[in-house]
Amino acid sequence: NSARAHELLHSAKERGLADAVKEALLSGHFEHGMDIGDL
């Protein structure tokens, strides 16, 4: 489930880091087998 990862994105957005976090999440999920539901 991507809900918690979206919460992380909102945290990053407040600090101007949304693009870096979104890139890392997408790359991790589709290229590196990252578990986007793991805290």
PDB file of all heavy atoms in Angstrom:
ATOM      1  N   ASN A   1       0.845  -1.191   0.000  1.00  0.00           N
ATOM      2  CA  ASN A   1       0.000   0.000   0.000  1.00  0.00           C
ATOM      3  C   ASN A   1       0.885   1.246   0.000  1.00  0.00           C
ATOM      4  O   ASN A   1       1.855   1.331   0.758  1.00  0.00           O
ATOM      5  CB  ASN A   1      -0.915  -0.004   1.233  1.00  0.00           C
ATOM      6  CG  ASN A   1      -2.017   1.027   1.133  1.00  0.00           C
ATOM      7  OD1 ASN A   1      -1.757   2.225   1.063  1.00  0.00           O
ATOM      8  ND2 ASN A   1      -3.255   0.575   1.139  1.00  0.00           N
ATOM      9  N   SER A   2       0.528   2.227  -0.843  1.00  0.00           N
ATOM     10  CA  SER A   2       1.374   3.417  -1.006  1.00  0.00           C
ATOM     11  C   SER A   2       1.001   4.568  -0.082  1.00  0.00           C
ATOM     12  O   SER A   2       1.614   5.626  -0.143  1.00  0.00           O
ATOM     13  CB  SER A   2       1.321   3.900  -2.456  1.00  0.00           C
ATOM     14  OG  SER A   2      -0.001   4.280  -2.808  1.00  0.00           O
ATOM     15  N   ALA A   3      -0.010   4.370   0.800  1.00  0.00           N
ATOM     16  CA  ALA A   3      -0.519   5.479   1.612  1.00  0.00           C
ATOM     17  C   ALA A   3       0.568   6.122   2.463  1.00  0.00           C
ATOM     18  O   ALA A   3       0.702   7.353   2.503  1.00  0.00           O
ATOM     19  CB  ALA A   3      -1.664   4.992   2.493  1.00  0.00           C
ATOM     20  N   ARG A   4       1.342   5.312   3.157  1.00  0.00           N
ATOM     21  CA  ARG A   4       2.358   5.863   4.056  1.00  0.00           C
ATOM     22  C   ARG A   4       3.460   6.574   3.271  1.00  0.00           C
ATOM     23  O   ARG A   4       4.011   7.586   3.722  1.00  0.00           O
ATOM     24  CB  ARG A   4       2.947   4.765   4.935  1.00  0.00           C
ATOM     25  CG  ARG A   4       3.852   5.263   6.031  1.00  0.00           C
ATOM     26  CD  ARG A   4       4.278   4.140   6.951  1.00  0.00           C
ATOM     27  NE  ARG A   4       3.334   3.948   8.031  1.00  0.00           N
ATOM     28  CZ  ARG A   4       3.474   3.023   8.990  1.00  0.00           C
ATOM     29  NH1 ARG A   4       4.501   2.197   8.961  1.00  0.00           N
ATOM     30  NH2 ARG A   4       2.587   2.918   9.951  1.00  0.00           N
ATOM     31  N   ALA A   5       3.768   6.072   2.089  1.00  0.00           N
ATOM     32  CA  ALA A   5       4.765   6.741   1.241  1.00  0.00           C
ATOM     33  C   ALA A   5       4.259   8.112   0.802  1.00  0.00           C
ATOM     34  O   ALA A   5       5.038   9.066   0.697  1.00  0.00           O
ATOM     35  CB  ALA A   5       5.085   5.874   0.023  1.00  0.00           C
ATOM     36  N   HIS A   6       2.953   8.232   0.575  1.00  0.00           N
ATOM     37  CA  HIS A   6       2.386   9.537   0.237  1.00  0.00           C
ATOM     38  C   HIS A   6       2.476  10.490   1.432  1.00  0.00           C
ATOM     39  O   HIS A   6       2.681  11.699   1.259  1.00  0.00           O
ATOM     40  CB  HIS A   6       0.927   9.384  -0.198  1.00  0.00           C
ATOM     41  CG  HIS A   6       0.770   8.901  -1.606  1.00  0.00           C
ATOM     42  ND1 HIS A   6       1.159   9.646  -2.701  1.00  0.00           N
ATOM     43  CD2 HIS A   6       0.278   7.735  -2.105  1.00  0.00           C
ATOM     44  CE1 HIS A   6       0.899   8.978  -3.806  1.00  0.00           C
ATOM     45  NE2 HIS A   6       0.363   7.810  -3.471  1.00  0.00           N
ATOM     46  N   GLU A   7       2.336   9.965   2.633  1.00  0.00           N
ATOM     47  CA  GLU A   7       2.504  10.803   3.821  1.00  0.00           C
ATOM     48  C   GLU A   7       3.934  11.336   3.885  1.00  0.00           C
ATOM     49  O   GLU A   7       4.161  12.508   4.222  1.00  0.00           O
ATOM     50  CB  GLU A   7       2.170  10.004   5.074  1.00  0.00           C
ATOM     51  CG  GLU A   7       0.705   9.595   5.187  1.00  0.00           C
ATOM     52  CD  GLU A   7       0.451   8.737   6.411  1.00  0.00           C
ATOM     53  OE1 GLU A   7       0.993   9.045   7.487  1.00  0.00           O
ATOM     54  OE2 GLU A   7      -0.277   7.725   6.285  1.00  0.00           O
ATOM     55  N   LEU A   8       4.897  10.490   3.557  1.00  0.00           N
ATOM     56  CA  LEU A   8       6.290  10.934   3.515  1.00  0.00           C
ATOM     57  C   LEU A   8       6.469  12.048   2.491  1.00  0.00           C
ATOM     58  O   LEU A   8       7.187  13.031   2.742  1.00  0.00           O
ATOM     59  CB  LEU A   8       7.207   9.756   3.169  1.00  0.00           C
ATOM     60  CG  LEU A   8       8.685  10.093   2.920  1.00  0.00           C
ATOM     61  CD1 LEU A   8       9.327  10.673   4.171  1.00  0.00           C
ATOM     62  CD2 LEU A   8       9.449   8.850   2.447  1.00  0.00           C
ATOM     63  N   LEU A   9       5.811  11.926   1.358  1.00  0.00           N
ATOM     64  CA  LEU A   9       5.909  12.952   0.321  1.00  0.00           C
ATOM     65  C   LEU A   9       5.395  14.297   0.810  1.00  0.00           C
ATOM     66  O   LEU A   9       5.967  15.340   0.502  1.00  0.00           O
ATOM     67  CB  LEU A   9       5.140  12.515  -0.925  1.00  0.00           C
ATOM     68  CG  LEU A   9       5.880  11.580  -1.876  1.00  0.00           C
ATOM     69  CD1 LEU A   9       4.922  11.015  -2.907  1.00  0.00           C
ATOM     70  CD2 LEU A   9       7.026  12.307  -2.558  1.00  0.00           C
ATOM     71  N   HIS A  10       4.320  14.296   1.581  1.00  0.00           N
ATOM     72  CA  HIS A  10       3.793  15.555   2.107  1.00  0.00           C
ATOM     73  C   HIS A  10       4.751  16.167   3.126  1.00  0.00           C
ATOM     74  O   HIS A  10       4.907  17.392   3.190  1.00  0.00           O
ATOM     75  CB  HIS A  10       2.418  15.335   2.720  1.00  0.00           C
ATOM     76  CG  HIS A  10       1.312  15.396   1.713  1.00  0.00           C
ATOM     77  ND1 HIS A  10       0.751  16.580   1.292  1.00  0.00           N
ATOM     78  CD2 HIS A  10       0.702  14.414   0.996  1.00  0.00           C
ATOM     79  CE1 HIS A  10      -0.175  16.331   0.377  1.00  0.00           C
ATOM     80  NE2 HIS A  10      -0.231  15.026   0.178  1.00  0.00           N
ATOM     81  N   SER A  11       5.398  15.330   3.893  1.00  0.00           N
ATOM     82  CA  SER A  11       6.409  15.830   4.825  1.00  0.00           C
ATOM     83  C   SER A  11       7.553  16.480   4.059  1.00  0.00           C
ATOM     84  O   SER A  11       8.040  17.555   4.412  1.00  0.00           O
ATOM     85  CB  SER A  11       6.935  14.683   5.689  1.00  0.00           C
ATOM     86  OG  SER A  11       7.974  15.120   6.538  1.00  0.00           O
ATOM     87  N   ALA A  12       7.966  15.836   2.980  1.00  0.00           N
ATOM     88  CA  ALA A  12       9.054  16.366   2.157  1.00  0.00           C
ATOM     89  C   ALA A  12       8.638  17.641   1.438  1.00  0.00           C
ATOM     90  O   ALA A  12       9.440  18.564   1.255  1.00  0.00           O
ATOM     91  CB  ALA A  12       9.496  15.310   1.147  1.00  0.00           C
ATOM     92  N   LYS A  13       7.369  17.723   1.027  1.00  0.00           N
ATOM     93  CA  LYS A  13       6.875  18.893   0.312  1.00  0.00           C
ATOM     94  C   LYS A  13       7.012  20.152   1.168  1.00  0.00           C
ATOM     95  O   LYS A  13       7.355  21.228   0.660  1.00  0.00           O
ATOM     96  CB  LYS A  13       5.417  18.689  -0.084  1.00  0.00           C
ATOM     97  CG  LYS A  13       4.832  19.824  -0.925  1.00  0.00           C
ATOM     98  CD  LYS A  13       3.318  19.726  -1.041  1.00  0.00           C
ATOM     99  CE  LYS A  13       2.892  18.505  -1.799  1.00  0.00           C
ATOM    100  NZ  LYS A  13       1.414  18.504  -2.059  1.00  0.00           N
ATOM    101  N   GLU A  14       6.749  20.028   2.451  1.00  0.00           N
ATOM    102  CA  GLU A  14       6.846  21.191   3.338  1.00  0.00           C
ATOM    103  C   GLU A  14       8.262  21.734   3.429  1.00  0.00           C
ATOM    104  O   GLU A  14       8.466  22.886   3.807  1.00  0.00           O
ATOM    105  CB  GLU A  14       6.360  20.808   4.739  1.00  0.00           C
ATOM    106  CG  GLU A  14       4.860  20.609   4.846  1.00  0.00           C
ATOM    107  CD  GLU A  14       4.399  20.446   6.273  1.00  0.00           C
ATOM    108  OE1 GLU A  14       5.262  20.324   7.176  1.00  0.00           O
ATOM    109  OE2 GLU A  14       3.178  20.437   6.512  1.00  0.00           O
ATOM    110  N   ARG A  15       9.244  20.922   3.089  1.00  0.00           N
ATOM    111  CA  ARG A  15      10.643  21.326   3.184  1.00  0.00           C
ATOM    112  C   ARG A  15      11.314  21.463   1.817  1.00  0.00           C
ATOM    113  O   ARG A  15      12.533  21.505   1.720  1.00  0.00           O
ATOM    114  CB  ARG A  15      11.403  20.331   4.066  1.00  0.00           C
ATOM    115  CG  ARG A  15      10.934  20.389   5.520  1.00  0.00           C
ATOM    116  CD  ARG A  15      11.144  19.067   6.247  1.00  0.00           C
ATOM    117  NE  ARG A  15      10.597  19.130   7.605  1.00  0.00           N
ATOM    118  CZ  ARG A  15       9.309  18.976   7.898  1.00  0.00           C
ATOM    119  NH1 ARG A  15       8.430  18.751   6.925  1.00  0.00           N
ATOM    120  NH2 ARG A  15       8.882  19.047   9.141  1.00  0.00           N
ATOM    121  N   GLY A  16      10.496  21.499   0.766  1.00  0.00           N
ATOM    122  CA  GLY A  16      11.040  21.686  -0.578  1.00  0.00           C
ATOM    123  C   GLY A  16      11.807  20.511  -1.121  1.00  0.00           C
ATOM    124  O   GLY A  16      12.651  20.660  -2.010  1.00  0.00           O
ATOM    125  N   LEU A  17      11.516  19.308  -0.614  1.00  0.00           N
ATOM    126  CA  LEU A  17      12.263  18.114  -1.015  1.00  0.00           C
ATOM    127  C   LEU A  17      11.371  17.072  -1.686  1.00  0.00           C
ATOM    128  O   LEU A  17      11.745  15.907  -1.798  1.00  0.00           O
ATOM    129  CB  LEU A  17      12.953  17.495   0.204  1.00  0.00           C
ATOM    130  CG  LEU A  17      14.006  18.376   0.886  1.00  0.00           C
ATOM    131  CD1 LEU A  17      14.449  17.746   2.207  1.00  0.00           C
ATOM    132  CD2 LEU A  17      15.209  18.574  -0.029  1.00  0.00           C
ATOM    133  N   ALA A  18      10.201  17.484  -2.131  1.00  0.00           N
ATOM    134  CA  ALA A  18       9.235  16.524  -2.680  1.00  0.00           C
ATOM    135  C   ALA A  18       9.772  15.806  -3.911  1.00  0.00           C
ATOM    136  O   ALA A  18       9.579  14.600  -4.067  1.00  0.00           O
ATOM    137  CB  ALA A  18       7.927  17.239  -3.020  1.00  0.00           C
ATOM    138  N   ASP A  19      10.460  16.528  -4.798  1.00  0.00           N
ATOM    139  CA  ASP A  19      10.931  15.894  -6.022  1.00  0.00           C
ATOM    140  C   ASP A  19      11.985  14.833  -5.733  1.00  0.00           C
ATOM    141  O   ASP A  19      11.960  13.746  -6.321  1.00  0.00           O
ATOM    142  CB  ASP A  19      11.495  16.927  -6.998  1.00  0.00           C
ATOM    143  CG  ASP A  19      11.666  16.351  -8.388  1.00  0.00           C
ATOM    144  OD1 ASP A  19      10.656  16.273  -9.124  1.00  0.00           O
ATOM    145  OD2 ASP A  19      12.789  15.950  -8.734  1.00  0.00           O
ATOM    146  N   ALA A  20      12.898  15.120  -4.831  1.00  0.00           N
ATOM    147  CA  ALA A  20      13.947  14.152  -4.496  1.00  0.00           C
ATOM    148  C   ALA A  20      13.350  12.902  -3.869  1.00  0.00           C
ATOM    149  O   ALA A  20      13.761  11.772  -4.184  1.00  0.00           O
ATOM    150  CB  ALA A  20      14.965  14.786  -3.552  1.00  0.00           C
ATOM    151  N   VAL A  21      12.375  13.095  -2.981  1.00  0.00           N
ATOM    152  CA  VAL A  21      11.752  11.949  -2.323  1.00  0.00           C
ATOM    153  C   VAL A  21      10.908  11.151  -3.318  1.00  0.00           C
ATOM    154  O   VAL A  21      10.933   9.916  -3.316  1.00  0.00           O
ATOM    155  CB  VAL A  21      10.901  12.411  -1.126  1.00  0.00           C
ATOM    156  CG1 VAL A  21      10.036  11.274  -0.596  1.00  0.00           C
ATOM    157  CG2 VAL A  21      11.809  12.926  -0.013  1.00  0.00           C
ATOM    158  N   LYS A  22      10.162  11.842  -4.182  1.00  0.00           N
ATOM    159  CA  LYS A  22       9.344  11.136  -5.176  1.00  0.00           C
ATOM    160  C   LYS A  22      10.221  10.314  -6.110  1.00  0.00           C
ATOM    161  O   LYS A  22       9.903   9.159  -6.433  1.00  0.00           O
ATOM    162  CB  LYS A  22       8.523  12.154  -5.976  1.00  0.00           C
ATOM    163  CG  LYS A  22       7.515  11.526  -6.947  1.00  0.00           C
ATOM    164  CD  LYS A  22       6.491  10.705  -6.181  1.00  0.00           C
ATOM    165  CE  LYS A  22       5.379  10.185  -7.095  1.00  0.00           C
ATOM    166  NZ  LYS A  22       4.418  11.237  -7.459  1.00  0.00           N
ATOM    167  N   GLU A  23      11.327  10.883  -6.544  1.00  0.00           N
ATOM    168  CA  GLU A  23      12.254  10.165  -7.415  1.00  0.00           C
ATOM    169  C   GLU A  23      12.788   8.910  -6.723  1.00  0.00           C
ATOM    170  O   GLU A  23      12.843   7.823  -7.323  1.00  0.00           O
ATOM    171  CB  GLU A  23      13.409  11.078  -7.816  1.00  0.00           C
ATOM    172  CG  GLU A  23      14.451  10.434  -8.710  1.00  0.00           C
ATOM    173  CD  GLU A  23      13.955  10.156 -10.115  1.00  0.00           C
ATOM    174  OE1 GLU A  23      13.010  10.822 -10.565  1.00  0.00           O
ATOM    175  OE2 GLU A  23      14.520   9.265 -10.773  1.00  0.00           O
ATOM    176  N   ALA A  24      13.171   9.051  -5.455  1.00  0.00           N
ATOM    177  CA  ALA A  24      13.721   7.917  -4.707  1.00  0.00           C
ATOM    178  C   ALA A  24      12.682   6.824  -4.500  1.00  0.00           C
ATOM    179  O   ALA A  24      12.980   5.628  -4.593  1.00  0.00           O
ATOM    180  CB  ALA A  24      14.265   8.390  -3.368  1.00  0.00           C
ATOM    181  N   LEU A  25      11.451   7.218  -4.226  1.00  0.00           N
ATOM    182  CA  LEU A  25      10.386   6.235  -4.011  1.00  0.00           C
ATOM    183  C   LEU A  25      10.061   5.479  -5.300  1.00  0.00           C
ATOM    184  O   LEU A  25       9.923   4.244  -5.293  1.00  0.00           O
ATOM    185  CB  LEU A  25       9.136   6.932  -3.489  1.00  0.00           C
ATOM    186  CG  LEU A  25       9.191   7.439  -2.050  1.00  0.00           C
ATOM    187  CD1 LEU A  25       7.954   8.297  -1.749  1.00  0.00           C
ATOM    188  CD2 LEU A  25       9.284   6.281  -1.057  1.00  0.00           C
ATOM    189  N   LEU A  26       9.939   6.200  -6.399  1.00  0.00           N
ATOM    190  CA  LEU A  26       9.627   5.555  -7.668  1.00  0.00           C
ATOM    191  C   LEU A  26      10.751   4.631  -8.125  1.00  0.00           C
ATOM    192  O   LEU A  26      10.509   3.500  -8.554  1.00  0.00           O
ATOM    193  CB  LEU A  26       9.353   6.614  -8.740  1.00  0.00           C
ATOM    194  CG  LEU A  26       8.035   7.380  -8.606  1.00  0.00           C
ATOM    195  CD1 LEU A  26       8.027   8.601  -9.515  1.00  0.00           C
ATOM    196  CD2 LEU A  26       6.849   6.476  -8.929  1.00  0.00           C
ATOM    197  N   SER A  27      11.969   5.119  -8.012  1.00  0.00           N
ATOM    198  CA  SER A  27      13.112   4.297  -8.399  1.00  0.00           C
ATOM    199  C   SER A  27      13.227   3.074  -7.497  1.00  0.00           C
ATOM    200  O   SER A  27      13.445   1.947  -7.963  1.00  0.00           O
ATOM    201  CB  SER A  27      14.404   5.116  -8.338  1.00  0.00           C
ATOM    202  OG  SER A  27      15.524   4.313  -8.655  1.00  0.00           O
ATOM    203  N   GLY A  28      13.070   3.289  -6.196  1.00  0.00           N
ATOM    204  CA  GLY A  28      13.154   2.174  -5.257  1.00  0.00           C
ATOM    205  C   GLY A  28      12.095   1.130  -5.534  1.00  0.00           C
ATOM    206  O   GLY A  28      12.372  -0.081  -5.516  1.00  0.00           O
ATOM    207  N   HIS A  29      10.884   1.566  -5.802  1.00  0.00           N
ATOM    208  CA  HIS A  29       9.764   0.641  -6.004  1.00  0.00           C
ATOM    209  C   HIS A  29       9.890  -0.139  -7.304  1.00  0.00           C
ATOM    210  O   HIS A  29       9.711  -1.370  -7.308  1.00  0.00           O
ATOM    211  CB  HIS A  29       8.455   1.429  -5.995  1.00  0.00           C
ATOM    212  CG  HIS A  29       7.232   0.583  -6.117  1.00  0.00           C
ATOM    213  ND1 HIS A  29       6.912  -0.417  -5.218  1.00  0.00           N
ATOM    214  CD2 HIS A  29       6.213   0.581  -7.040  1.00  0.00           C
ATOM    215  CE1 HIS A  29       5.772  -0.997  -5.564  1.00  0.00           C
ATOM    216  NE2 HIS A  29       5.332  -0.414  -6.667  1.00  0.00           N
ATOM    217  N   PHE A  30      10.200   0.544  -8.402  1.00  0.00           N
ATOM    218  CA  PHE A  30      10.178  -0.114  -9.711  1.00  0.00           C
ATOM    219  C   PHE A  30      11.526  -0.665 -10.171  1.00  0.00           C
ATOM    220  O   PHE A  30      11.557  -1.533 -11.040  1.00  0.00           O
ATOM    221  CB  PHE A  30       9.630   0.850 -10.765  1.00  0.00           C
ATOM    222  CG  PHE A  30       8.156   1.089 -10.636  1.00  0.00           C
ATOM    223  CD1 PHE A  30       7.677   2.310 -10.182  1.00  0.00           C
ATOM    224  CD2 PHE A  30       7.252   0.088 -10.935  1.00  0.00           C
ATOM    225  CE1 PHE A  30       6.312   2.524 -10.038  1.00  0.00           C
ATOM    226  CE2 PHE A  30       5.888   0.294 -10.797  1.00  0.00           C
ATOM    227  CZ  PHE A  30       5.417   1.512 -10.338  1.00  0.00           C
ATOM    228  N   GLU A  31      12.606  -0.160  -9.607  1.00  0.00           N
ATOM    229  CA  GLU A  31      13.922  -0.602 -10.076  1.00  0.00           C
ATOM    230  C   GLU A  31      14.705  -1.422  -9.061  1.00  0.00           C
ATOM    231  O   GLU A  31      15.601  -2.191  -9.436  1.00  0.00           O
ATOM    232  CB  GLU A  31      14.763   0.616 -10.479  1.00  0.00           C
ATOM    233  CG  GLU A  31      14.167   1.434 -11.621  1.00  0.00           C
ATOM    234  CD  GLU A  31      15.029   2.630 -12.006  1.00  0.00           C
ATOM    235  OE1 GLU A  31      15.312   3.467 -11.119  1.00  0.00           O
ATOM    236  OE2 GLU A  31      15.441   2.706 -13.183  1.00  0.00           O
ATOM    237  N   HIS A  32      14.403  -1.265  -7.766  1.00  0.00           N
ATOM    238  CA  HIS A  32      15.277  -1.863  -6.751  1.00  0.00           C
ATOM    239  C   HIS A  32      14.564  -2.707  -5.704  1.00  0.00           C
ATOM    240  O   HIS A  32      15.167  -3.066  -4.697  1.00  0.00           O
ATOM    241  CB  HIS A  32      16.074  -0.754  -6.051  1.00  0.00           C
ATOM    242  CG  HIS A  32      16.867   0.095  -7.004  1.00  0.00           C
ATOM    243  ND1 HIS A  32      17.953  -0.389  -7.713  1.00  0.00           N
ATOM    244  CD2 HIS A  32      16.711   1.390  -7.386  1.00  0.00           C
ATOM    245  CE1 HIS A  32      18.439   0.574  -8.479  1.00  0.00           C
ATOM    246  NE2 HIS A  32      17.701   1.661  -8.309  1.00  0.00           N
ATOM    247  N   GLY A  33      13.305  -3.044  -5.933  1.00  0.00           N
ATOM    248  CA  GLY A  33      12.604  -3.935  -5.018  1.00  0.00           C
ATOM    249  C   GLY A  33      12.392  -3.379  -3.626  1.00  0.00           C
ATOM    250  O   GLY A  33      12.310  -4.133  -2.646  1.00  0.00           O
ATOM    251  N   MET A  34      12.254  -2.073  -3.501  1.00  0.00           N
ATOM    252  CA  MET A  34      12.021  -1.462  -2.200  1.00  0.00           C
ATOM    253  C   MET A  34      10.586  -1.688  -1.742  1.00  0.00           C
ATOM    254  O   MET A  34       9.653  -1.655  -2.548  1.00  0.00           O
ATOM    255  CB  MET A  34      12.299   0.045  -2.284  1.00  0.00           C
ATOM    256  CG  MET A  34      11.937   0.819  -1.035  1.00  0.00           C
ATOM    257  SD  MET A  34      12.031   2.605  -1.300  1.00  0.00           S
ATOM    258  CE  MET A  34      11.207   3.191   0.172  1.00  0.00           C
ATOM    259  N   ASP A  35      10.412  -1.902  -0.457  1.00  0.00           N
ATOM    260  CA  ASP A  35       9.079  -2.065   0.128  1.00  0.00           C
ATOM    261  C   ASP A  35       8.570  -0.691   0.562  1.00  0.00           C
ATOM    262  O   ASP A  35       8.967  -0.172   1.605  1.00  0.00           O
ATOM    263  CB  ASP A  35       9.152  -3.012   1.327  1.00  0.00           C
ATOM    264  CG  ASP A  35       7.785  -3.302   1.929  1.00  0.00           C
ATOM    265  OD1 ASP A  35       6.809  -2.620   1.562  1.00  0.00           O
ATOM    266  OD2 ASP A  35       7.702  -4.207   2.781  1.00  0.00           O
ATOM    267  N   ILE A  36       7.683  -0.089  -0.240  1.00  0.00           N
ATOM    268  CA  ILE A  36       7.213   1.267   0.050  1.00  0.00           C
ATOM    269  C   ILE A  36       6.198   1.304   1.195  1.00  0.00           C
ATOM    270  O   ILE A  36       5.723   2.373   1.570  1.00  0.00           O
ATOM    271  CB  ILE A  36       6.604   1.938  -1.194  1.00  0.00           C
ATOM    272  CG1 ILE A  36       5.399   1.139  -1.713  1.00  0.00           C
ATOM    273  CG2 ILE A  36       7.654   2.131  -2.267  1.00  0.00           C
ATOM    274  CD1 ILE A  36       4.635   1.834  -2.827  1.00  0.00           C
ATOM    275  N   GLY A  37       5.895   0.147   1.755  1.00  0.00           N
ATOM    276  CA  GLY A  37       5.021   0.103   2.917  1.00  0.00           C
ATOM    277  C   GLY A  37       5.780  -0.067   4.215  1.00  0.00           C
ATOM    278  O   GLY A  37       5.189  -0.032   5.305  1.00  0.00           O
ATOM    279  N   ASP A  38       7.098  -0.218   4.128  1.00  0.00           N
ATOM    280  CA  ASP A  38       7.927  -0.468   5.308  1.00  0.00           C
ATOM    281  C   ASP A  38       8.399   0.849   5.927  1.00  0.00           C
ATOM    282  O   ASP A  38       9.017   1.673   5.248  1.00  0.00           O
ATOM    283  CB  ASP A  38       9.130  -1.329   4.917  1.00  0.00           C
ATOM    284  CG  ASP A  38      10.011  -1.656   6.107  1.00  0.00           C
ATOM    285  OD1 ASP A  38       9.644  -2.542   6.891  1.00  0.00           O
ATOM    286  OD2 ASP A  38      11.065  -0.987   6.262  1.00  0.00           O
ATOM    287  N   LEU A  39       8.113   1.037   7.192  1.00  0.00           N
ATOM    288  CA  LEU A  39       8.434   2.291   7.874  1.00  0.00           C
ATOM    289  C   LEU A  39       9.925   2.605   7.821  1.00  0.00           C
ATOM    290  O   LEU A  39      10.325   3.728   7.494  1.00  0.00           O
ATOM    291  CB  LEU A  39       7.961   2.223   9.328  1.00  0.00           C
ATOM    292  CG  LEU A  39       8.336   3.424  10.209  1.00  0.00           C
ATOM    293  CD1 LEU A  39       7.688   4.701   9.679  1.00  0.00           C
ATOM    294  CD2 LEU A  39       7.905   3.175  11.658  1.00  0.00           C
TER     295      LEU A  39
END
